[in-house]
Each structure stands twice: as C-alpha cells, then as structure tokens.
C-alpha cells in the first residue's frame, strides 16, 4: 500500500542575498498549474486538436509569517523594488527558489526548483490595534519564473 503525500510538510528557500538572517516560515502555497494547450488546426468545418509544442507555468503564490523585524517582508519588498528601478540590468533580478517536500518522518522526499524566479506582487500588512487575539501577520507573495523542475 502506498504512503500518501502530507500537504503540510514543506519548506521554501531562496537565495537571500541582502538579508542573510531572513527566514520564510511558509503557511500556505500551491504548486502552480502546468498547461500545454494545443493550437487548433482548421480542417474543413472543424478545428482539429493539435499537440502543443509549449508548456505554460502558472504563477507561484506563497503565504508566509512575517518576522517581528520585518526582515523577510523587506527582503521581498527590496527585491521587487530593485527589479523595477534597475530596469532588469542588475544581476539579482532573478533567483532560483527551492521547495523541499518532506515525508511523515520529516525526511526530504522531493525538491522542486523554480528557475529564474522574481516577485511580481506582495500583499499589504493589516496592522490593527483592536484585535483581541494575537494573530501573527502573514504576507502573500507571487512569483513569476521561467519553469520548475523536480531535482
């Protein structure tokens, strides 16, 4: 009988170039969709399906806890801002992200590498003094990337 994948045992790491102390405690993430839609080939009165020659990868979205010094938020914010300000001439425009998936014994089973990733959005942070229970802040970041592969 096969063992099934635990959807709560994963870690995301990125090449943290500016803030070496920044850690990303991921709350939620979804492995992006992959599509390979073929182009319709017109033939008489019907469009015949034709096998695709290109793969499209969906946006990678991650929700993570914000540390109290906002280092991990600032890491993404500064990366996003630098990409816009440098017009893609900087060498740190893209980085590889690695998603590590673990089994029930917390041993690494698979790693998925997102190649040439860069942030395209980061969510707002809702500060609220009227909150009665402690709810730690999370941010949602969306990444665009060239492709992902199992390593």
N, C-alpha and C. Protein backbone atom coordinates (compact mmCIF):
# COMPACT_ATOMS: atom_id res chain seq x y z
N UNK A 1 0.85 -1.18 0.00
CA UNK A 1 0.00 0.00 0.00
C UNK A 1 0.90 1.25 0.00
N UNK A 2 0.63 2.21 -0.86
CA UNK A 2 1.49 3.40 -0.95
C UNK A 2 1.27 4.36 0.22
N UNK A 3 2.31 5.08 0.55
CA UNK A 3 2.18 6.17 1.51
C UNK A 3 1.76 7.41 0.73
N UNK A 4 0.91 8.23 1.32
CA UNK A 4 0.40 9.40 0.63
C UNK A 4 1.14 10.66 1.07
N UNK A 5 1.17 11.63 0.18
CA UNK A 5 1.90 12.87 0.40
C UNK A 5 1.21 13.71 1.46
N UNK A 6 1.97 14.16 2.45
CA UNK A 6 1.47 15.03 3.51
C UNK A 6 1.52 16.47 3.01
N UNK A 7 0.38 17.16 2.91
CA UNK A 7 0.39 18.52 2.34
C UNK A 7 0.88 19.60 3.31
N UNK A 8 1.37 19.20 4.48
CA UNK A 8 1.83 20.23 5.43
C UNK A 8 3.30 20.09 5.80
N UNK A 9 4.05 19.34 5.03
CA UNK A 9 5.48 19.17 5.31
C UNK A 9 6.30 19.69 4.15
N UNK A 10 6.59 21.00 4.18
CA UNK A 10 7.37 21.59 3.10
C UNK A 10 8.10 22.82 3.61
N UNK A 11 9.16 23.17 2.92
CA UNK A 11 9.98 24.34 3.26
C UNK A 11 10.36 25.01 1.95
N UNK A 12 10.32 26.34 1.92
CA UNK A 12 10.76 27.07 0.75
C UNK A 12 12.00 27.86 1.11
N UNK A 13 13.02 27.76 0.27
CA UNK A 13 14.23 28.54 0.49
C UNK A 13 14.55 29.34 -0.75
N UNK A 14 15.11 30.52 -0.52
CA UNK A 14 15.55 31.34 -1.63
C UNK A 14 16.92 31.87 -1.31
N UNK A 15 17.63 32.23 -2.34
CA UNK A 15 18.97 32.78 -2.17
C UNK A 15 18.81 34.17 -1.57
N UNK A 16 18.86 34.26 -0.26
CA UNK A 16 18.66 35.53 0.44
C UNK A 16 19.94 36.34 0.39
N UNK A 17 20.06 37.17 -0.62
CA UNK A 17 21.31 37.88 -0.89
C UNK A 17 21.52 39.10 0.00
N UNK A 18 20.44 39.80 0.33
CA UNK A 18 20.59 41.04 1.07
C UNK A 18 20.47 40.84 2.57
N UNK A 19 19.49 40.06 2.98
CA UNK A 19 19.22 39.87 4.40
C UNK A 19 19.47 38.41 4.75
N UNK A 20 20.69 38.11 5.14
CA UNK A 20 21.06 36.72 5.39
C UNK A 20 20.29 36.13 6.57
N UNK A 21 19.77 36.96 7.46
CA UNK A 21 19.02 36.47 8.62
C UNK A 21 17.55 36.27 8.34
N UNK A 22 17.08 36.60 7.15
CA UNK A 22 15.67 36.48 6.83
C UNK A 22 15.28 35.01 6.67
N UNK A 23 14.21 34.61 7.36
CA UNK A 23 13.69 33.25 7.25
C UNK A 23 12.25 33.32 6.78
N UNK A 24 11.84 32.33 6.02
CA UNK A 24 10.49 32.30 5.47
C UNK A 24 9.76 31.07 6.00
N UNK A 25 8.86 31.31 6.96
CA UNK A 25 8.02 30.25 7.50
C UNK A 25 6.74 30.25 6.70
N UNK A 26 6.63 29.30 5.78
CA UNK A 26 5.53 29.25 4.83
C UNK A 26 4.28 28.72 5.53
N UNK A 27 3.18 29.42 5.33
CA UNK A 27 1.88 28.98 5.85
C UNK A 27 1.12 28.17 4.81
N UNK A 28 1.00 28.74 3.62
CA UNK A 28 0.31 28.04 2.54
C UNK A 28 1.04 28.30 1.23
N UNK A 29 0.92 27.37 0.34
CA UNK A 29 1.43 27.54 -1.01
C UNK A 29 0.77 26.47 -1.86
N UNK A 30 0.75 26.72 -3.13
CA UNK A 30 0.16 25.76 -4.05
C UNK A 30 1.13 25.57 -5.21
N UNK A 31 1.44 24.32 -5.48
CA UNK A 31 2.29 24.04 -6.64
C UNK A 31 1.53 24.50 -7.87
N UNK A 32 2.10 25.40 -8.66
CA UNK A 32 1.37 26.00 -9.78
C UNK A 32 0.93 24.99 -10.83
N UNK A 33 -0.10 25.40 -11.54
CA UNK A 33 -0.60 24.57 -12.63
C UNK A 33 0.35 24.61 -13.81
N UNK A 34 0.29 23.56 -14.61
CA UNK A 34 1.08 23.44 -15.83
C UNK A 34 0.11 23.08 -16.94
N UNK A 35 0.16 23.84 -18.02
CA UNK A 35 -0.73 23.56 -19.15
C UNK A 35 0.06 23.45 -20.44
N UNK A 36 -0.48 22.67 -21.34
CA UNK A 36 0.11 22.51 -22.67
C UNK A 36 -1.05 22.46 -23.66
N UNK A 37 -1.59 23.63 -23.94
CA UNK A 37 -2.73 23.71 -24.84
C UNK A 37 -2.26 23.70 -26.29
N UNK A 38 -2.84 22.81 -27.05
CA UNK A 38 -2.50 22.74 -28.46
C UNK A 38 -3.25 23.79 -29.26
N UNK A 39 -2.69 24.16 -30.36
CA UNK A 39 -3.34 25.13 -31.25
C UNK A 39 -4.35 24.38 -32.11
N UNK A 40 -5.53 24.98 -32.33
CA UNK A 40 -6.50 24.31 -33.21
C UNK A 40 -6.01 24.35 -34.66
N UNK A 41 -6.17 23.24 -35.31
CA UNK A 41 -5.78 23.13 -36.71
C UNK A 41 -7.06 23.11 -37.54
N UNK A 42 -7.32 24.18 -38.30
CA UNK A 42 -8.57 24.22 -39.07
C UNK A 42 -8.56 23.16 -40.19
N UNK A 43 -9.63 22.40 -40.23
CA UNK A 43 -9.79 21.39 -41.28
C UNK A 43 -11.27 21.33 -41.66
N UNK A 44 -11.56 21.74 -42.84
CA UNK A 44 -12.93 21.84 -43.35
C UNK A 44 -13.79 22.66 -42.38
N UNK A 45 -14.85 22.08 -41.82
CA UNK A 45 -15.73 22.83 -40.92
C UNK A 45 -15.43 22.59 -39.43
N UNK A 46 -14.32 22.00 -39.09
CA UNK A 46 -14.00 21.71 -37.69
C UNK A 46 -12.57 22.15 -37.38
N UNK A 47 -12.32 22.40 -36.12
CA UNK A 47 -10.96 22.63 -35.64
C UNK A 47 -10.47 21.32 -35.03
N UNK A 48 -9.43 20.79 -35.56
CA UNK A 48 -8.85 19.53 -35.08
C UNK A 48 -7.80 19.87 -34.03
N UNK A 49 -7.82 19.14 -32.92
CA UNK A 49 -6.83 19.37 -31.87
C UNK A 49 -5.44 18.96 -32.35
N UNK A 50 -4.47 19.79 -32.02
CA UNK A 50 -3.09 19.53 -32.41
C UNK A 50 -2.24 19.58 -31.15
N UNK A 51 -1.32 18.65 -31.00
CA UNK A 51 -0.49 18.59 -29.80
C UNK A 51 0.33 19.87 -29.65
N UNK A 52 0.40 20.35 -28.41
CA UNK A 52 1.12 21.60 -28.12
C UNK A 52 2.63 21.40 -28.23
N UNK A 53 3.31 22.49 -28.53
CA UNK A 53 4.77 22.47 -28.54
C UNK A 53 5.35 23.38 -27.45
N UNK A 54 4.45 23.89 -26.58
CA UNK A 54 4.90 24.77 -25.49
C UNK A 54 4.16 24.44 -24.21
N UNK A 55 4.87 24.61 -23.09
CA UNK A 55 4.28 24.43 -21.76
C UNK A 55 4.19 25.80 -21.11
N UNK A 56 3.08 26.06 -20.44
CA UNK A 56 2.90 27.31 -19.68
C UNK A 56 2.79 26.98 -18.20
N UNK A 57 3.52 27.72 -17.38
CA UNK A 57 3.52 27.52 -15.93
C UNK A 57 2.74 28.66 -15.27
N UNK A 58 1.89 28.31 -14.31
CA UNK A 58 1.11 29.30 -13.58
C UNK A 58 1.96 30.06 -12.59
N UNK A 59 1.42 31.14 -12.04
CA UNK A 59 2.10 31.96 -11.04
C UNK A 59 2.26 31.17 -9.74
N UNK A 60 3.40 31.33 -9.09
CA UNK A 60 3.68 30.66 -7.82
C UNK A 60 3.33 31.63 -6.69
N UNK A 61 2.36 31.26 -5.85
CA UNK A 61 1.90 32.13 -4.76
C UNK A 61 2.17 31.46 -3.42
N UNK A 62 2.75 32.24 -2.49
CA UNK A 62 3.15 31.73 -1.19
C UNK A 62 2.67 32.69 -0.11
N UNK A 63 2.15 32.13 0.97
CA UNK A 63 1.79 32.91 2.15
C UNK A 63 2.78 32.55 3.25
N UNK A 64 3.37 33.56 3.90
CA UNK A 64 4.38 33.27 4.92
C UNK A 64 4.22 34.21 6.12
N UNK A 65 4.69 33.74 7.28
CA UNK A 65 4.65 34.53 8.51
C UNK A 65 5.70 35.64 8.45
N UNK A 66 5.34 36.82 8.94
CA UNK A 66 6.25 37.96 8.98
C UNK A 66 7.00 37.97 10.30
N UNK A 67 8.32 38.04 10.25
CA UNK A 67 9.09 38.13 11.50
C UNK A 67 8.95 39.53 12.08
N UNK A 68 9.20 39.67 13.40
CA UNK A 68 8.93 40.94 14.07
C UNK A 68 9.84 42.08 13.63
N UNK A 69 10.96 41.77 13.00
CA UNK A 69 11.82 42.82 12.45
C UNK A 69 11.51 43.13 10.99
N UNK A 70 10.51 42.46 10.44
CA UNK A 70 10.09 42.60 9.05
C UNK A 70 11.20 42.30 8.05
N UNK A 71 12.20 41.52 8.44
CA UNK A 71 13.30 41.21 7.54
C UNK A 71 12.83 40.44 6.30
N UNK A 72 11.97 39.44 6.52
CA UNK A 72 11.55 38.65 5.37
C UNK A 72 10.60 39.43 4.46
N UNK A 73 9.82 40.34 5.02
CA UNK A 73 8.97 41.20 4.18
C UNK A 73 9.84 42.17 3.39
N UNK A 74 10.81 42.76 4.07
CA UNK A 74 11.69 43.73 3.43
C UNK A 74 12.56 43.08 2.36
N UNK A 75 12.94 41.83 2.55
CA UNK A 75 13.70 41.10 1.53
C UNK A 75 12.94 41.07 0.21
N UNK A 76 11.67 40.69 0.27
CA UNK A 76 10.86 40.61 -0.94
C UNK A 76 10.57 42.01 -1.48
N UNK A 77 10.23 42.93 -0.59
CA UNK A 77 9.93 44.31 -0.99
C UNK A 77 11.11 44.94 -1.73
N UNK A 78 12.31 44.83 -1.15
CA UNK A 78 13.50 45.41 -1.76
C UNK A 78 13.84 44.74 -3.09
N UNK A 79 13.63 43.45 -3.19
CA UNK A 79 13.88 42.71 -4.42
C UNK A 79 12.93 43.18 -5.52
N UNK A 80 11.66 43.31 -5.17
CA UNK A 80 10.66 43.80 -6.12
C UNK A 80 10.98 45.21 -6.59
N UNK A 81 11.31 46.07 -5.63
CA UNK A 81 11.62 47.47 -5.94
C UNK A 81 12.89 47.59 -6.78
N UNK A 82 13.92 46.83 -6.44
CA UNK A 82 15.18 46.88 -7.19
C UNK A 82 14.99 46.43 -8.63
N UNK A 83 14.13 45.45 -8.85
CA UNK A 83 13.89 44.98 -10.22
C UNK A 83 13.27 46.07 -11.07
N UNK A 84 12.41 46.87 -10.49
CA UNK A 84 11.77 47.96 -11.23
C UNK A 84 12.76 49.10 -11.46
N UNK A 85 13.52 49.44 -10.43
CA UNK A 85 14.43 50.59 -10.52
C UNK A 85 15.62 50.35 -11.43
N UNK A 86 16.07 49.11 -11.56
CA UNK A 86 17.27 48.84 -12.35
C UNK A 86 16.95 48.45 -13.79
N UNK A 87 15.66 48.39 -14.12
CA UNK A 87 15.25 48.01 -15.48
C UNK A 87 15.88 46.68 -15.92
N UNK A 88 15.97 45.77 -14.99
CA UNK A 88 16.44 44.41 -15.26
C UNK A 88 17.90 44.32 -15.64
N UNK A 89 18.68 45.30 -15.29
CA UNK A 89 20.10 45.24 -15.59
C UNK A 89 20.90 44.67 -14.42
N UNK A 90 20.29 44.59 -13.25
CA UNK A 90 21.00 44.08 -12.08
C UNK A 90 21.13 42.56 -12.17
N UNK A 91 22.19 42.04 -11.58
CA UNK A 91 22.41 40.60 -11.62
C UNK A 91 21.48 39.85 -10.66
N UNK A 92 20.87 40.54 -9.69
CA UNK A 92 19.99 39.86 -8.74
C UNK A 92 18.52 39.97 -9.15
N UNK A 93 18.25 40.21 -10.42
CA UNK A 93 16.88 40.31 -10.91
C UNK A 93 16.12 39.01 -10.67
N UNK A 94 16.74 37.89 -10.96
CA UNK A 94 16.10 36.59 -10.79
C UNK A 94 16.93 35.73 -9.84
N UNK A 95 16.23 34.85 -9.15
CA UNK A 95 16.88 33.89 -8.26
C UNK A 95 16.15 32.57 -8.39
N UNK A 96 16.82 31.51 -8.04
CA UNK A 96 16.16 30.22 -8.00
C UNK A 96 15.56 30.00 -6.62
N UNK A 97 14.34 29.49 -6.58
CA UNK A 97 13.67 29.13 -5.34
C UNK A 97 13.64 27.61 -5.27
N UNK A 98 13.79 27.07 -4.07
CA UNK A 98 13.74 25.62 -3.92
C UNK A 98 12.67 25.26 -2.90
N UNK A 99 11.72 24.45 -3.35
CA UNK A 99 10.67 23.92 -2.49
C UNK A 99 11.07 22.52 -2.10
N UNK A 100 11.23 22.29 -0.80
CA UNK A 100 11.61 20.98 -0.29
C UNK A 100 10.39 20.32 0.33
N UNK A 101 10.05 19.14 -0.14
CA UNK A 101 8.90 18.41 0.37
C UNK A 101 9.41 17.23 1.19
N UNK A 102 8.81 17.07 2.38
CA UNK A 102 9.26 16.04 3.30
C UNK A 102 8.17 15.00 3.53
N UNK A 103 8.59 13.82 3.95
CA UNK A 103 7.63 12.76 4.26
C UNK A 103 7.18 12.85 5.72
N UNK A 104 6.43 11.87 6.17
CA UNK A 104 5.88 11.90 7.53
C UNK A 104 6.97 11.83 8.60
N UNK A 105 8.17 11.37 8.26
CA UNK A 105 9.28 11.32 9.21
C UNK A 105 10.19 12.54 9.07
N UNK A 106 9.72 13.57 8.34
CA UNK A 106 10.48 14.80 8.08
C UNK A 106 11.78 14.56 7.33
N UNK A 107 11.80 13.55 6.50
CA UNK A 107 12.92 13.32 5.60
C UNK A 107 12.56 13.88 4.23
N UNK A 108 13.56 14.45 3.56
CA UNK A 108 13.33 15.04 2.25
C UNK A 108 12.96 13.95 1.25
N UNK A 109 11.83 14.15 0.57
CA UNK A 109 11.44 13.20 -0.47
C UNK A 109 11.65 13.78 -1.86
N UNK A 110 11.35 15.05 -2.03
CA UNK A 110 11.50 15.71 -3.33
C UNK A 110 11.90 17.15 -3.13
N UNK A 111 12.57 17.68 -4.14
CA UNK A 111 12.84 19.11 -4.20
C UNK A 111 12.38 19.61 -5.57
N UNK A 112 11.73 20.76 -5.55
CA UNK A 112 11.26 21.37 -6.77
C UNK A 112 11.95 22.72 -6.89
N UNK A 113 12.62 22.93 -7.99
CA UNK A 113 13.38 24.17 -8.20
C UNK A 113 12.63 25.05 -9.18
N UNK A 114 12.34 26.29 -8.75
CA UNK A 114 11.73 27.31 -9.60
C UNK A 114 12.88 28.13 -10.17
N UNK A 115 13.08 28.03 -11.45
CA UNK A 115 14.24 28.63 -12.12
C UNK A 115 13.93 30.06 -12.56
N UNK A 116 14.88 30.96 -12.27
CA UNK A 116 14.79 32.37 -12.66
C UNK A 116 13.51 33.04 -12.14
N UNK A 117 13.26 32.89 -10.85
CA UNK A 117 12.06 33.46 -10.24
C UNK A 117 12.30 34.91 -9.83
N UNK A 118 11.21 35.66 -9.81
CA UNK A 118 11.24 37.03 -9.33
C UNK A 118 9.84 37.39 -8.83
N UNK A 119 9.75 38.25 -7.79
CA UNK A 119 8.44 38.60 -7.25
C UNK A 119 7.71 39.58 -8.16
N UNK A 120 6.39 39.38 -8.29
CA UNK A 120 5.58 40.31 -9.08
C UNK A 120 4.58 41.05 -8.21
N UNK A 121 4.34 40.57 -6.97
CA UNK A 121 3.48 41.31 -6.04
C UNK A 121 3.72 40.81 -4.63
N UNK A 122 3.47 41.70 -3.69
CA UNK A 122 3.49 41.34 -2.26
C UNK A 122 2.29 42.04 -1.62
N UNK A 123 1.62 41.34 -0.74
CA UNK A 123 0.38 41.84 -0.17
C UNK A 123 0.62 42.93 0.88
N UNK A 124 -0.45 43.58 1.25
CA UNK A 124 -0.40 44.58 2.31
C UNK A 124 -0.31 43.87 3.66
N UNK A 125 0.08 44.62 4.69
CA UNK A 125 0.14 44.08 6.06
C UNK A 125 -0.90 44.81 6.90
N UNK A 126 -1.94 44.12 7.37
CA UNK A 126 -3.02 44.78 8.11
C UNK A 126 -2.72 44.93 9.60
N UNK A 127 -2.19 46.05 10.00
CA UNK A 127 -1.99 46.34 11.42
C UNK A 127 -3.32 46.78 12.02
N UNK A 128 -3.67 46.24 13.20
CA UNK A 128 -4.98 46.53 13.79
C UNK A 128 -4.88 46.47 15.31
N UNK A 129 -5.02 47.61 15.98
CA UNK A 129 -4.91 47.69 17.43
C UNK A 129 -6.13 47.13 18.15
N UNK A 130 -7.24 46.97 17.43
CA UNK A 130 -8.48 46.48 18.06
C UNK A 130 -8.57 44.96 18.12
N UNK A 131 -7.61 44.26 17.59
CA UNK A 131 -7.62 42.80 17.61
C UNK A 131 -7.43 42.30 19.03
N UNK A 132 -8.31 41.40 19.48
CA UNK A 132 -8.23 40.91 20.85
C UNK A 132 -7.33 39.68 20.98
N UNK A 133 -7.31 38.82 19.99
CA UNK A 133 -6.44 37.65 19.99
C UNK A 133 -5.19 37.95 19.18
N UNK A 134 -4.08 37.34 19.58
CA UNK A 134 -2.86 37.54 18.84
C UNK A 134 -2.95 36.74 17.54
N UNK A 135 -2.92 37.44 16.43
CA UNK A 135 -2.89 36.81 15.11
C UNK A 135 -1.65 37.34 14.41
N UNK A 136 -0.72 36.47 14.19
CA UNK A 136 0.53 36.89 13.58
C UNK A 136 0.31 37.28 12.12
N UNK A 137 1.01 38.30 11.71
CA UNK A 137 0.85 38.80 10.35
C UNK A 137 1.47 37.85 9.33
N UNK A 138 0.78 37.72 8.23
CA UNK A 138 1.28 36.96 7.10
C UNK A 138 1.25 37.85 5.87
N UNK A 139 2.10 37.54 4.94
CA UNK A 139 2.11 38.23 3.65
C UNK A 139 1.98 37.18 2.56
N UNK A 140 1.42 37.61 1.46
CA UNK A 140 1.30 36.74 0.29
C UNK A 140 2.18 37.35 -0.80
N UNK A 141 3.06 36.53 -1.34
CA UNK A 141 3.93 36.98 -2.42
C UNK A 141 3.68 36.09 -3.64
N UNK A 142 3.66 36.73 -4.80
CA UNK A 142 3.50 36.00 -6.05
C UNK A 142 4.80 36.09 -6.84
N UNK A 143 5.22 34.95 -7.35
CA UNK A 143 6.44 34.88 -8.14
C UNK A 143 6.12 34.47 -9.57
N UNK A 144 6.83 35.08 -10.49
CA UNK A 144 6.86 34.62 -11.87
C UNK A 144 8.21 33.91 -12.03
N UNK A 145 8.32 32.99 -12.94
CA UNK A 145 9.56 32.21 -13.10
C UNK A 145 9.55 31.61 -14.51
N UNK A 146 10.67 31.10 -14.93
CA UNK A 146 10.76 30.51 -16.26
C UNK A 146 10.08 29.14 -16.31
N UNK A 147 10.41 28.29 -15.37
CA UNK A 147 9.84 26.94 -15.29
C UNK A 147 10.20 26.34 -13.96
N UNK A 148 9.55 25.24 -13.61
CA UNK A 148 10.01 24.50 -12.44
C UNK A 148 10.32 23.07 -12.84
N UNK A 149 11.23 22.47 -12.06
CA UNK A 149 11.66 21.10 -12.35
C UNK A 149 11.85 20.34 -11.04
N UNK A 150 11.67 19.05 -11.11
CA UNK A 150 11.93 18.18 -9.97
C UNK A 150 13.40 17.82 -9.97
N UNK A 151 14.08 18.08 -8.86
CA UNK A 151 15.52 17.80 -8.78
C UNK A 151 15.82 16.74 -7.75
